N, C-alpha and C. Protein backbone atom coordinates (compact mmCIF):
# COMPACT_ATOMS: atom_id res chain seq x y z
N UNK A 1 4.56 -115.61 -10.57
CA UNK A 1 5.55 -115.23 -9.66
C UNK A 1 5.53 -113.71 -9.48
N UNK A 2 5.67 -113.37 -8.25
CA UNK A 2 5.63 -111.94 -7.97
C UNK A 2 6.87 -111.26 -8.54
N UNK A 3 6.63 -110.02 -8.90
CA UNK A 3 7.72 -109.26 -9.52
C UNK A 3 8.41 -108.40 -8.46
N UNK A 4 9.70 -108.55 -8.32
CA UNK A 4 10.48 -107.84 -7.31
C UNK A 4 11.44 -106.92 -8.06
N UNK A 5 11.40 -105.72 -7.68
CA UNK A 5 12.27 -104.72 -8.29
C UNK A 5 13.39 -104.44 -7.32
N UNK A 6 14.57 -104.68 -7.68
CA UNK A 6 15.71 -104.51 -6.82
C UNK A 6 16.50 -103.23 -7.17
N UNK A 7 16.04 -102.49 -8.11
CA UNK A 7 16.71 -101.25 -8.47
C UNK A 7 16.48 -100.20 -7.38
N UNK A 8 17.39 -99.27 -7.21
CA UNK A 8 17.25 -98.26 -6.16
C UNK A 8 16.26 -97.15 -6.60
N UNK A 9 15.01 -97.46 -6.65
CA UNK A 9 13.97 -96.55 -7.13
C UNK A 9 13.72 -95.37 -6.19
N UNK A 10 13.92 -95.65 -4.89
CA UNK A 10 13.71 -94.55 -3.95
C UNK A 10 14.77 -93.45 -4.16
N UNK A 11 15.93 -93.90 -4.44
CA UNK A 11 17.03 -92.97 -4.67
C UNK A 11 16.73 -92.16 -5.93
N UNK A 12 16.24 -92.77 -6.97
CA UNK A 12 15.92 -92.06 -8.21
C UNK A 12 14.76 -91.10 -7.99
N UNK A 13 13.77 -91.53 -7.18
CA UNK A 13 12.62 -90.68 -6.88
C UNK A 13 13.08 -89.44 -6.11
N UNK A 14 13.97 -89.63 -5.15
CA UNK A 14 14.50 -88.51 -4.38
C UNK A 14 15.27 -87.56 -5.30
N UNK A 15 16.08 -88.10 -6.18
CA UNK A 15 16.88 -87.28 -7.10
C UNK A 15 15.94 -86.51 -8.04
N UNK A 16 14.88 -87.11 -8.50
CA UNK A 16 13.94 -86.45 -9.41
C UNK A 16 13.21 -85.31 -8.69
N UNK A 17 12.78 -85.58 -7.45
CA UNK A 17 12.09 -84.56 -6.68
C UNK A 17 13.04 -83.39 -6.37
N UNK A 18 14.31 -83.76 -6.10
CA UNK A 18 15.30 -82.72 -5.83
C UNK A 18 15.50 -81.85 -7.08
N UNK A 19 15.54 -82.50 -8.23
CA UNK A 19 15.72 -81.79 -9.48
C UNK A 19 14.50 -80.88 -9.75
N UNK A 20 13.31 -81.39 -9.49
CA UNK A 20 12.10 -80.58 -9.67
C UNK A 20 12.11 -79.38 -8.72
N UNK A 21 12.52 -79.63 -7.47
CA UNK A 21 12.58 -78.55 -6.49
C UNK A 21 13.58 -77.48 -6.92
N UNK A 22 14.75 -77.93 -7.36
CA UNK A 22 15.78 -76.97 -7.81
C UNK A 22 15.30 -76.19 -9.04
N UNK A 23 14.62 -76.85 -9.94
CA UNK A 23 14.08 -76.18 -11.13
C UNK A 23 13.03 -75.16 -10.72
N UNK A 24 12.14 -75.55 -9.79
CA UNK A 24 11.11 -74.63 -9.32
C UNK A 24 11.75 -73.44 -8.61
N UNK A 25 12.78 -73.69 -7.79
CA UNK A 25 13.46 -72.61 -7.08
C UNK A 25 14.17 -71.68 -8.06
N UNK A 26 14.81 -72.25 -9.07
CA UNK A 26 15.48 -71.44 -10.08
C UNK A 26 14.47 -70.60 -10.85
N UNK A 27 13.33 -71.22 -11.23
CA UNK A 27 12.27 -70.48 -11.93
C UNK A 27 11.71 -69.36 -11.06
N UNK A 28 11.49 -69.67 -9.77
CA UNK A 28 10.96 -68.64 -8.86
C UNK A 28 11.97 -67.50 -8.69
N UNK A 29 13.27 -67.84 -8.61
CA UNK A 29 14.30 -66.82 -8.48
C UNK A 29 14.34 -65.94 -9.73
N UNK A 30 14.22 -66.58 -10.89
CA UNK A 30 14.23 -65.81 -12.15
C UNK A 30 13.00 -64.91 -12.22
N UNK A 31 11.83 -65.45 -11.86
CA UNK A 31 10.59 -64.66 -11.90
C UNK A 31 10.69 -63.50 -10.89
N UNK A 32 11.24 -63.80 -9.69
CA UNK A 32 11.40 -62.76 -8.68
C UNK A 32 12.36 -61.67 -9.17
N UNK A 33 13.47 -62.10 -9.76
CA UNK A 33 14.44 -61.13 -10.29
C UNK A 33 13.81 -60.28 -11.39
N UNK A 34 13.05 -60.92 -12.28
CA UNK A 34 12.38 -60.17 -13.34
C UNK A 34 11.36 -59.19 -12.76
N UNK A 35 10.63 -59.64 -11.71
CA UNK A 35 9.65 -58.76 -11.07
C UNK A 35 10.35 -57.57 -10.42
N UNK A 36 11.48 -57.83 -9.73
CA UNK A 36 12.23 -56.73 -9.10
C UNK A 36 12.73 -55.75 -10.15
N UNK A 37 13.27 -56.28 -11.26
CA UNK A 37 13.77 -55.42 -12.33
C UNK A 37 12.61 -54.61 -12.93
N UNK A 38 11.47 -55.27 -13.16
CA UNK A 38 10.30 -54.57 -13.71
C UNK A 38 9.82 -53.47 -12.76
N UNK A 39 9.71 -53.79 -11.47
CA UNK A 39 9.27 -52.79 -10.48
C UNK A 39 10.28 -51.65 -10.41
N UNK A 40 11.58 -51.97 -10.45
CA UNK A 40 12.61 -50.93 -10.43
C UNK A 40 12.48 -50.02 -11.65
N UNK A 41 12.29 -50.60 -12.80
CA UNK A 41 12.14 -49.80 -14.03
C UNK A 41 10.90 -48.92 -13.92
N UNK A 42 9.79 -49.50 -13.43
CA UNK A 42 8.56 -48.74 -13.28
C UNK A 42 8.76 -47.58 -12.30
N UNK A 43 9.37 -47.87 -11.15
CA UNK A 43 9.58 -46.82 -10.15
C UNK A 43 10.51 -45.73 -10.68
N UNK A 44 11.55 -46.12 -11.37
CA UNK A 44 12.47 -45.14 -11.96
C UNK A 44 11.73 -44.27 -12.97
N UNK A 45 10.90 -44.90 -13.78
CA UNK A 45 10.12 -44.15 -14.77
C UNK A 45 9.15 -43.20 -14.07
N UNK A 46 8.49 -43.64 -13.02
CA UNK A 46 7.55 -42.79 -12.29
C UNK A 46 8.28 -41.64 -11.60
N UNK A 47 9.46 -41.92 -11.01
CA UNK A 47 10.24 -40.87 -10.35
C UNK A 47 10.70 -39.84 -11.37
N UNK A 48 11.17 -40.30 -12.52
CA UNK A 48 11.61 -39.39 -13.58
C UNK A 48 10.45 -38.52 -14.05
N UNK A 49 9.29 -39.16 -14.25
CA UNK A 49 8.10 -38.42 -14.68
C UNK A 49 7.70 -37.39 -13.63
N UNK A 50 7.71 -37.78 -12.35
CA UNK A 50 7.34 -36.85 -11.28
C UNK A 50 8.35 -35.71 -11.16
N UNK A 51 9.63 -36.01 -11.33
CA UNK A 51 10.66 -34.96 -11.30
C UNK A 51 10.44 -33.96 -12.43
N UNK A 52 10.05 -34.47 -13.60
CA UNK A 52 9.77 -33.57 -14.72
C UNK A 52 8.57 -32.68 -14.41
N UNK A 53 7.54 -33.27 -13.81
CA UNK A 53 6.36 -32.49 -13.42
C UNK A 53 6.76 -31.43 -12.38
N UNK A 54 7.54 -31.85 -11.39
CA UNK A 54 7.98 -30.91 -10.35
C UNK A 54 8.78 -29.76 -10.95
N UNK A 55 9.68 -30.08 -11.88
CA UNK A 55 10.48 -29.04 -12.52
C UNK A 55 9.59 -28.10 -13.31
N UNK A 56 8.59 -28.65 -14.03
CA UNK A 56 7.65 -27.81 -14.77
C UNK A 56 6.89 -26.89 -13.82
N UNK A 57 6.43 -27.45 -12.69
CA UNK A 57 5.70 -26.64 -11.71
C UNK A 57 6.60 -25.56 -11.11
N UNK A 58 7.85 -25.91 -10.80
CA UNK A 58 8.77 -24.91 -10.25
C UNK A 58 9.01 -23.78 -11.25
N UNK A 59 9.19 -24.13 -12.51
CA UNK A 59 9.39 -23.10 -13.53
C UNK A 59 8.15 -22.22 -13.66
N UNK A 60 6.99 -22.86 -13.63
CA UNK A 60 5.74 -22.09 -13.73
C UNK A 60 5.56 -21.19 -12.51
N UNK A 61 5.88 -21.71 -11.33
CA UNK A 61 5.77 -20.91 -10.10
C UNK A 61 6.71 -19.71 -10.16
N UNK A 62 7.95 -19.93 -10.63
CA UNK A 62 8.89 -18.82 -10.75
C UNK A 62 8.36 -17.76 -11.71
N UNK A 63 7.78 -18.21 -12.82
CA UNK A 63 7.24 -17.27 -13.80
C UNK A 63 6.06 -16.50 -13.20
N UNK A 64 5.17 -17.21 -12.48
CA UNK A 64 4.02 -16.54 -11.87
C UNK A 64 4.48 -15.57 -10.78
N UNK A 65 5.48 -15.96 -9.99
CA UNK A 65 6.01 -15.05 -8.95
C UNK A 65 6.59 -13.79 -9.58
N UNK A 66 7.28 -13.96 -10.72
CA UNK A 66 7.82 -12.80 -11.42
C UNK A 66 6.69 -11.90 -11.90
N UNK A 67 5.61 -12.51 -12.42
CA UNK A 67 4.47 -11.72 -12.87
C UNK A 67 3.78 -11.03 -11.70
N UNK A 68 3.68 -11.73 -10.56
CA UNK A 68 3.08 -11.13 -9.37
C UNK A 68 3.91 -9.93 -8.91
N UNK A 69 5.22 -10.07 -8.95
CA UNK A 69 6.10 -8.95 -8.57
C UNK A 69 5.90 -7.77 -9.51
N UNK A 70 5.76 -8.07 -10.82
CA UNK A 70 5.51 -6.99 -11.78
C UNK A 70 4.17 -6.33 -11.49
N UNK A 71 3.16 -7.14 -11.12
CA UNK A 71 1.84 -6.59 -10.80
C UNK A 71 1.94 -5.70 -9.57
N UNK A 72 2.71 -6.14 -8.54
CA UNK A 72 2.90 -5.31 -7.34
C UNK A 72 3.57 -3.99 -7.71
N UNK A 73 4.60 -4.08 -8.56
CA UNK A 73 5.28 -2.86 -8.98
C UNK A 73 4.31 -1.92 -9.72
N UNK A 74 3.47 -2.52 -10.59
CA UNK A 74 2.50 -1.71 -11.31
C UNK A 74 1.48 -1.10 -10.36
N UNK A 75 1.05 -1.87 -9.35
CA UNK A 75 0.10 -1.33 -8.37
C UNK A 75 0.73 -0.18 -7.59
N UNK A 76 2.00 -0.35 -7.19
CA UNK A 76 2.70 0.73 -6.48
C UNK A 76 2.82 1.96 -7.36
N UNK A 77 3.17 1.74 -8.63
CA UNK A 77 3.29 2.86 -9.56
C UNK A 77 1.93 3.54 -9.74
N UNK A 78 0.87 2.72 -9.83
CA UNK A 78 -0.48 3.27 -9.97
C UNK A 78 -0.85 4.09 -8.75
N UNK A 79 -0.57 3.55 -7.54
CA UNK A 79 -0.89 4.29 -6.31
C UNK A 79 -0.11 5.60 -6.25
N UNK A 80 1.17 5.55 -6.65
CA UNK A 80 1.97 6.78 -6.67
C UNK A 80 1.39 7.80 -7.65
N UNK A 81 0.99 7.33 -8.83
CA UNK A 81 0.40 8.24 -9.81
C UNK A 81 -0.92 8.81 -9.31
N UNK A 82 -1.74 7.95 -8.68
CA UNK A 82 -3.00 8.44 -8.13
C UNK A 82 -2.77 9.47 -7.03
N UNK A 83 -1.77 9.22 -6.19
CA UNK A 83 -1.46 10.18 -5.13
C UNK A 83 -0.99 11.51 -5.74
N UNK A 84 -0.17 11.42 -6.77
CA UNK A 84 0.29 12.64 -7.44
C UNK A 84 -0.88 13.38 -8.08
N UNK A 85 -1.76 12.60 -8.73
CA UNK A 85 -2.92 13.22 -9.36
C UNK A 85 -3.81 13.89 -8.32
N UNK A 86 -3.95 13.26 -7.16
CA UNK A 86 -4.76 13.84 -6.09
C UNK A 86 -4.14 15.14 -5.60
N UNK A 87 -2.80 15.14 -5.43
CA UNK A 87 -2.12 16.36 -5.00
C UNK A 87 -2.32 17.46 -6.04
N UNK A 88 -2.17 17.09 -7.32
CA UNK A 88 -2.35 18.08 -8.40
C UNK A 88 -3.78 18.61 -8.39
N UNK A 89 -4.75 17.72 -8.20
CA UNK A 89 -6.15 18.17 -8.16
C UNK A 89 -6.39 19.09 -6.97
N UNK A 90 -5.80 18.76 -5.82
CA UNK A 90 -5.96 19.63 -4.65
C UNK A 90 -5.33 21.00 -4.93
N UNK A 91 -4.14 20.97 -5.56
CA UNK A 91 -3.49 22.25 -5.89
C UNK A 91 -4.34 23.05 -6.87
N UNK A 92 -4.89 22.36 -7.87
CA UNK A 92 -5.72 23.05 -8.86
C UNK A 92 -6.97 23.63 -8.21
N UNK A 93 -7.57 22.86 -7.28
CA UNK A 93 -8.80 23.35 -6.65
C UNK A 93 -8.50 24.46 -5.66
N UNK A 94 -7.28 24.46 -5.08
CA UNK A 94 -6.96 25.49 -4.09
C UNK A 94 -6.27 26.69 -4.72
N UNK A 95 -6.14 26.71 -6.01
CA UNK A 95 -5.49 27.83 -6.68
C UNK A 95 -6.16 29.17 -6.38
N UNK A 96 -7.46 29.25 -6.57
CA UNK A 96 -8.10 30.55 -6.29
C UNK A 96 -8.24 30.81 -4.79
N UNK A 97 -7.99 29.80 -3.99
CA UNK A 97 -8.15 29.92 -2.54
C UNK A 97 -7.25 31.01 -1.97
N UNK A 98 -6.01 31.07 -2.39
CA UNK A 98 -5.07 32.05 -1.84
C UNK A 98 -5.51 33.47 -2.21
N UNK A 99 -6.09 33.61 -3.41
CA UNK A 99 -6.58 34.92 -3.83
C UNK A 99 -7.72 35.35 -2.92
N UNK A 100 -8.66 34.40 -2.68
CA UNK A 100 -9.78 34.71 -1.79
C UNK A 100 -9.27 35.02 -0.37
N UNK A 101 -8.27 34.26 0.04
CA UNK A 101 -7.72 34.44 1.38
C UNK A 101 -7.13 35.85 1.54
N UNK A 102 -6.31 36.25 0.59
CA UNK A 102 -5.72 37.59 0.67
C UNK A 102 -6.79 38.68 0.55
N UNK A 103 -7.78 38.42 -0.28
CA UNK A 103 -8.86 39.40 -0.42
C UNK A 103 -9.61 39.55 0.91
N UNK A 104 -9.87 38.42 1.58
CA UNK A 104 -10.57 38.46 2.86
C UNK A 104 -9.73 39.18 3.91
N UNK A 105 -8.43 38.92 3.92
CA UNK A 105 -7.55 39.59 4.89
C UNK A 105 -7.52 41.10 4.61
N UNK A 106 -7.43 41.44 3.32
CA UNK A 106 -7.40 42.87 2.96
C UNK A 106 -8.71 43.55 3.33
N UNK A 107 -9.85 42.88 3.09
CA UNK A 107 -11.15 43.47 3.43
C UNK A 107 -11.35 43.54 4.93
N UNK A 108 -10.76 42.61 5.66
CA UNK A 108 -10.94 42.58 7.12
C UNK A 108 -10.01 43.56 7.84
N UNK A 109 -9.00 44.05 7.15
CA UNK A 109 -8.03 44.94 7.79
C UNK A 109 -8.62 46.36 7.90
N UNK A 110 -8.83 46.85 9.13
CA UNK A 110 -9.39 48.21 9.28
C UNK A 110 -8.30 49.28 9.14
N UNK A 111 -8.72 50.53 9.10
CA UNK A 111 -7.75 51.63 9.05
C UNK A 111 -6.97 51.63 10.35
N UNK A 112 -5.70 51.89 10.25
CA UNK A 112 -4.85 51.95 11.42
C UNK A 112 -4.17 50.62 11.73
N UNK A 113 -4.40 49.59 10.92
CA UNK A 113 -3.74 48.28 11.10
C UNK A 113 -2.88 48.05 9.87
N UNK A 114 -1.62 47.71 10.12
CA UNK A 114 -0.67 47.45 9.04
C UNK A 114 -0.10 46.05 9.25
N UNK A 115 -0.20 45.24 8.23
CA UNK A 115 0.27 43.86 8.34
C UNK A 115 1.74 43.79 7.93
N UNK A 116 2.53 43.10 8.74
CA UNK A 116 3.96 42.96 8.46
C UNK A 116 4.31 41.60 7.87
N UNK A 117 3.62 40.57 8.35
CA UNK A 117 3.99 39.21 7.92
C UNK A 117 2.76 38.32 8.02
N UNK A 118 2.65 37.41 7.07
CA UNK A 118 1.59 36.40 7.09
C UNK A 118 2.23 35.07 6.71
N UNK A 119 2.02 34.07 7.55
CA UNK A 119 2.55 32.74 7.23
C UNK A 119 1.43 31.71 7.42
N UNK A 120 1.57 30.62 6.71
CA UNK A 120 0.52 29.60 6.71
C UNK A 120 1.13 28.24 7.00
N UNK A 121 0.50 27.50 7.90
CA UNK A 121 0.92 26.14 8.21
C UNK A 121 -0.36 25.29 8.25
N UNK A 122 -0.61 24.56 7.19
CA UNK A 122 -1.85 23.79 7.09
C UNK A 122 -3.02 24.75 6.94
N UNK A 123 -3.98 24.66 7.86
CA UNK A 123 -5.12 25.57 7.79
C UNK A 123 -4.99 26.70 8.82
N UNK A 124 -3.83 26.82 9.43
CA UNK A 124 -3.58 27.89 10.41
C UNK A 124 -2.77 29.01 9.75
N UNK A 125 -3.25 30.24 9.93
CA UNK A 125 -2.54 31.42 9.44
C UNK A 125 -2.03 32.20 10.64
N UNK A 126 -0.78 32.62 10.55
CA UNK A 126 -0.21 33.47 11.59
C UNK A 126 0.00 34.85 10.96
N UNK A 127 -0.61 35.85 11.58
CA UNK A 127 -0.55 37.21 11.05
C UNK A 127 0.17 38.09 12.08
N UNK A 128 1.18 38.80 11.59
CA UNK A 128 1.92 39.73 12.44
C UNK A 128 1.71 41.13 11.87
N UNK A 129 1.44 42.09 12.76
CA UNK A 129 1.20 43.44 12.26
C UNK A 129 1.35 44.48 13.35
N UNK A 130 1.07 45.72 12.96
CA UNK A 130 1.13 46.88 13.86
C UNK A 130 -0.20 47.61 13.75
N UNK A 131 -0.71 48.02 14.92
CA UNK A 131 -1.99 48.75 14.94
C UNK A 131 -1.82 50.04 15.74
N UNK A 132 -2.64 51.04 15.37
CA UNK A 132 -2.59 52.33 16.07
C UNK A 132 -3.06 52.18 17.52
N UNK A 133 -4.02 51.25 17.71
CA UNK A 133 -4.56 51.07 19.06
C UNK A 133 -5.03 49.63 19.23
N UNK A 134 -5.30 49.30 20.47
CA UNK A 134 -5.83 47.96 20.75
C UNK A 134 -7.23 47.80 20.17
N UNK A 135 -7.97 48.90 20.06
CA UNK A 135 -9.30 48.84 19.46
C UNK A 135 -9.23 48.44 18.00
N UNK A 136 -8.20 48.87 17.31
CA UNK A 136 -8.03 48.50 15.90
C UNK A 136 -7.75 47.01 15.79
N UNK A 137 -6.97 46.46 16.72
CA UNK A 137 -6.69 45.03 16.72
C UNK A 137 -7.98 44.26 16.97
N UNK A 138 -8.81 44.73 17.91
CA UNK A 138 -10.09 44.08 18.19
C UNK A 138 -11.00 44.12 16.97
N UNK A 139 -11.05 45.25 16.30
CA UNK A 139 -11.88 45.37 15.09
C UNK A 139 -11.37 44.41 14.01
N UNK A 140 -10.06 44.31 13.88
CA UNK A 140 -9.47 43.38 12.89
C UNK A 140 -9.88 41.95 13.21
N UNK A 141 -9.83 41.58 14.49
CA UNK A 141 -10.20 40.22 14.87
C UNK A 141 -11.69 39.96 14.63
N UNK A 142 -12.54 40.94 14.92
CA UNK A 142 -13.98 40.77 14.65
C UNK A 142 -14.23 40.60 13.16
N UNK A 143 -13.54 41.40 12.36
CA UNK A 143 -13.69 41.29 10.90
C UNK A 143 -13.24 39.92 10.39
N UNK A 144 -12.14 39.43 10.94
CA UNK A 144 -11.66 38.11 10.53
C UNK A 144 -12.66 37.02 10.91
N UNK A 145 -13.24 37.15 12.10
CA UNK A 145 -14.20 36.15 12.56
C UNK A 145 -15.47 36.19 11.73
N UNK A 146 -15.83 37.36 11.22
CA UNK A 146 -17.04 37.51 10.40
C UNK A 146 -16.83 36.98 8.98
N UNK A 147 -15.59 36.80 8.59
CA UNK A 147 -15.29 36.35 7.23
C UNK A 147 -15.71 34.90 7.04
N UNK A 148 -16.13 34.56 5.83
CA UNK A 148 -16.51 33.16 5.55
C UNK A 148 -15.28 32.30 5.22
N UNK A 149 -14.15 32.91 4.99
CA UNK A 149 -12.92 32.16 4.70
C UNK A 149 -12.02 32.01 5.92
N UNK A 150 -12.27 32.79 6.97
CA UNK A 150 -11.42 32.78 8.16
C UNK A 150 -12.30 32.70 9.40
N UNK A 151 -11.78 32.04 10.42
CA UNK A 151 -12.56 31.93 11.66
C UNK A 151 -11.63 31.74 12.85
N UNK A 152 -12.21 31.96 14.02
CA UNK A 152 -11.55 31.67 15.28
C UNK A 152 -10.20 32.38 15.43
N UNK A 153 -10.17 33.71 15.32
CA UNK A 153 -8.89 34.41 15.52
C UNK A 153 -8.50 34.39 16.99
N UNK A 154 -7.23 34.15 17.25
CA UNK A 154 -6.70 34.11 18.61
C UNK A 154 -5.47 35.02 18.67
N UNK A 155 -5.54 35.96 19.54
CA UNK A 155 -4.43 36.89 19.71
C UNK A 155 -3.41 36.24 20.64
N UNK A 156 -2.20 36.08 20.17
CA UNK A 156 -1.18 35.44 21.00
C UNK A 156 -0.27 36.47 21.67
N UNK A 157 0.01 37.57 20.98
CA UNK A 157 0.90 38.59 21.54
C UNK A 157 0.39 39.97 21.12
N UNK A 158 0.38 40.87 22.06
CA UNK A 158 0.18 42.29 21.74
C UNK A 158 1.17 43.06 22.61
N UNK A 159 1.99 43.87 21.96
CA UNK A 159 3.08 44.52 22.69
C UNK A 159 3.17 45.98 22.23
N UNK A 160 3.11 46.88 23.17
CA UNK A 160 3.21 48.29 22.81
C UNK A 160 4.52 48.90 23.30
N UNK A 161 5.45 48.04 23.70
CA UNK A 161 6.71 48.56 24.24
C UNK A 161 7.86 48.48 23.24
N UNK A 162 7.61 48.08 22.02
CA UNK A 162 8.70 48.01 21.04
C UNK A 162 9.06 49.42 20.58
N UNK A 163 10.35 49.69 20.57
CA UNK A 163 10.82 51.04 20.23
C UNK A 163 10.56 51.41 18.78
N UNK A 164 10.66 50.43 17.92
CA UNK A 164 10.49 50.74 16.49
C UNK A 164 9.05 51.06 16.13
N UNK A 165 8.09 50.70 17.01
CA UNK A 165 6.68 50.99 16.75
C UNK A 165 6.14 51.87 17.89
N UNK A 166 6.68 53.06 18.05
CA UNK A 166 6.25 53.96 19.11
C UNK A 166 4.81 54.39 18.86
N UNK A 167 4.07 54.53 19.94
CA UNK A 167 2.66 54.91 19.91
C UNK A 167 1.82 53.91 19.11
N UNK A 168 2.31 52.68 18.94
CA UNK A 168 1.58 51.64 18.22
C UNK A 168 1.68 50.33 19.00
N UNK A 169 0.79 49.44 18.66
CA UNK A 169 0.79 48.11 19.31
C UNK A 169 1.19 47.06 18.27
N UNK A 170 2.24 46.34 18.60
CA UNK A 170 2.68 45.24 17.74
C UNK A 170 1.88 44.00 18.16
N UNK A 171 1.33 43.25 17.21
CA UNK A 171 0.50 42.09 17.57
C UNK A 171 0.85 40.87 16.71
N UNK A 172 0.50 39.73 17.25
CA UNK A 172 0.67 38.46 16.54
C UNK A 172 -0.59 37.65 16.84
N UNK A 173 -1.27 37.20 15.79
CA UNK A 173 -2.48 36.42 16.02
C UNK A 173 -2.54 35.24 15.06
N UNK A 174 -3.30 34.24 15.48
CA UNK A 174 -3.52 33.06 14.65
C UNK A 174 -4.99 33.00 14.28
N UNK A 175 -5.24 32.58 13.05
CA UNK A 175 -6.61 32.44 12.57
C UNK A 175 -6.70 31.15 11.76
N UNK A 176 -7.85 30.52 11.80
CA UNK A 176 -8.05 29.25 11.09
C UNK A 176 -8.71 29.52 9.75
N UNK A 177 -8.17 28.92 8.73
CA UNK A 177 -8.74 29.06 7.40
C UNK A 177 -9.86 28.03 7.25
N UNK A 178 -11.00 28.45 6.75
CA UNK A 178 -12.13 27.55 6.54
C UNK A 178 -12.61 27.69 5.11
N UNK A 179 -13.24 26.64 4.63
CA UNK A 179 -13.84 26.71 3.30
C UNK A 179 -15.20 27.37 3.45
N UNK A 180 -15.57 28.23 2.54
CA UNK A 180 -16.88 28.88 2.66
C UNK A 180 -17.99 27.85 2.47
N UNK A 181 -19.14 28.13 3.06
CA UNK A 181 -20.27 27.20 2.92
C UNK A 181 -20.72 27.20 1.47
N UNK A 182 -21.26 26.06 1.08
CA UNK A 182 -21.71 25.91 -0.30
C UNK A 182 -22.87 26.87 -0.56
N UNK A 183 -22.78 27.58 -1.64
CA UNK A 183 -23.80 28.57 -1.96
C UNK A 183 -24.69 28.00 -3.06
N UNK A 184 -25.91 28.43 -3.01
CA UNK A 184 -26.83 28.03 -4.07
C UNK A 184 -26.48 28.80 -5.33
N UNK A 185 -26.87 28.31 -6.50
CA UNK A 185 -26.59 29.06 -7.74
C UNK A 185 -27.19 30.46 -7.73
N UNK A 186 -28.33 30.64 -7.06
CA UNK A 186 -28.95 31.97 -7.02
C UNK A 186 -28.07 32.94 -6.22
N UNK A 187 -27.51 32.47 -5.09
CA UNK A 187 -26.63 33.32 -4.29
C UNK A 187 -25.36 33.68 -5.07
N UNK A 188 -24.83 32.69 -5.80
CA UNK A 188 -23.64 32.96 -6.61
C UNK A 188 -23.94 34.01 -7.66
N UNK A 189 -25.13 33.96 -8.26
CA UNK A 189 -25.52 34.95 -9.29
C UNK A 189 -25.66 36.34 -8.66
N UNK A 190 -26.25 36.39 -7.43
CA UNK A 190 -26.40 37.66 -6.74
C UNK A 190 -25.06 38.31 -6.45
N UNK A 191 -24.07 37.47 -6.04
CA UNK A 191 -22.74 38.01 -5.76
C UNK A 191 -22.09 38.58 -7.01
N UNK A 192 -22.28 37.87 -8.13
CA UNK A 192 -21.68 38.37 -9.38
C UNK A 192 -22.29 39.69 -9.79
N UNK A 193 -23.59 39.85 -9.54
CA UNK A 193 -24.30 41.08 -9.95
C UNK A 193 -23.92 42.19 -9.02
């Protein structure tokens, strides 16, 4: 005889499948939640680590910028010192220059010319004086032009109408100061002798 099952097996099968589905969904939800928590923890850890690196880099950059500023200050101080040293060296090298300049002016001054004032602006000298005649002024200018320390004399004013210098010519001239040409050691020895 055939066996007939009258129990509601389809209903039990549906309930079992539903239970399996719910279990699978619950497991998937738990796994998903665990994955989200794990990813969140990982991301938080990576962000914290990167923030620490960024802070370290910012501190290092600030320190390097401070050192760069100190280096700039030192370079400025060095440039200032070098400029001062250069000025001092120029002053030291030009020390005997004024002596030579006055000696050249004194040697170039002929009889009958009296110097009243001498001023210097850069390499330009302004000489004010009184001469017995215009010929004396011309001789003075020729002598200045012949000098190795002075050149290019230009007479700017000559006046013979001033009451305080009767029978004399008051003059004002400009002359350029030049460095003498380099001499050989033999020429320097000849001058000393």
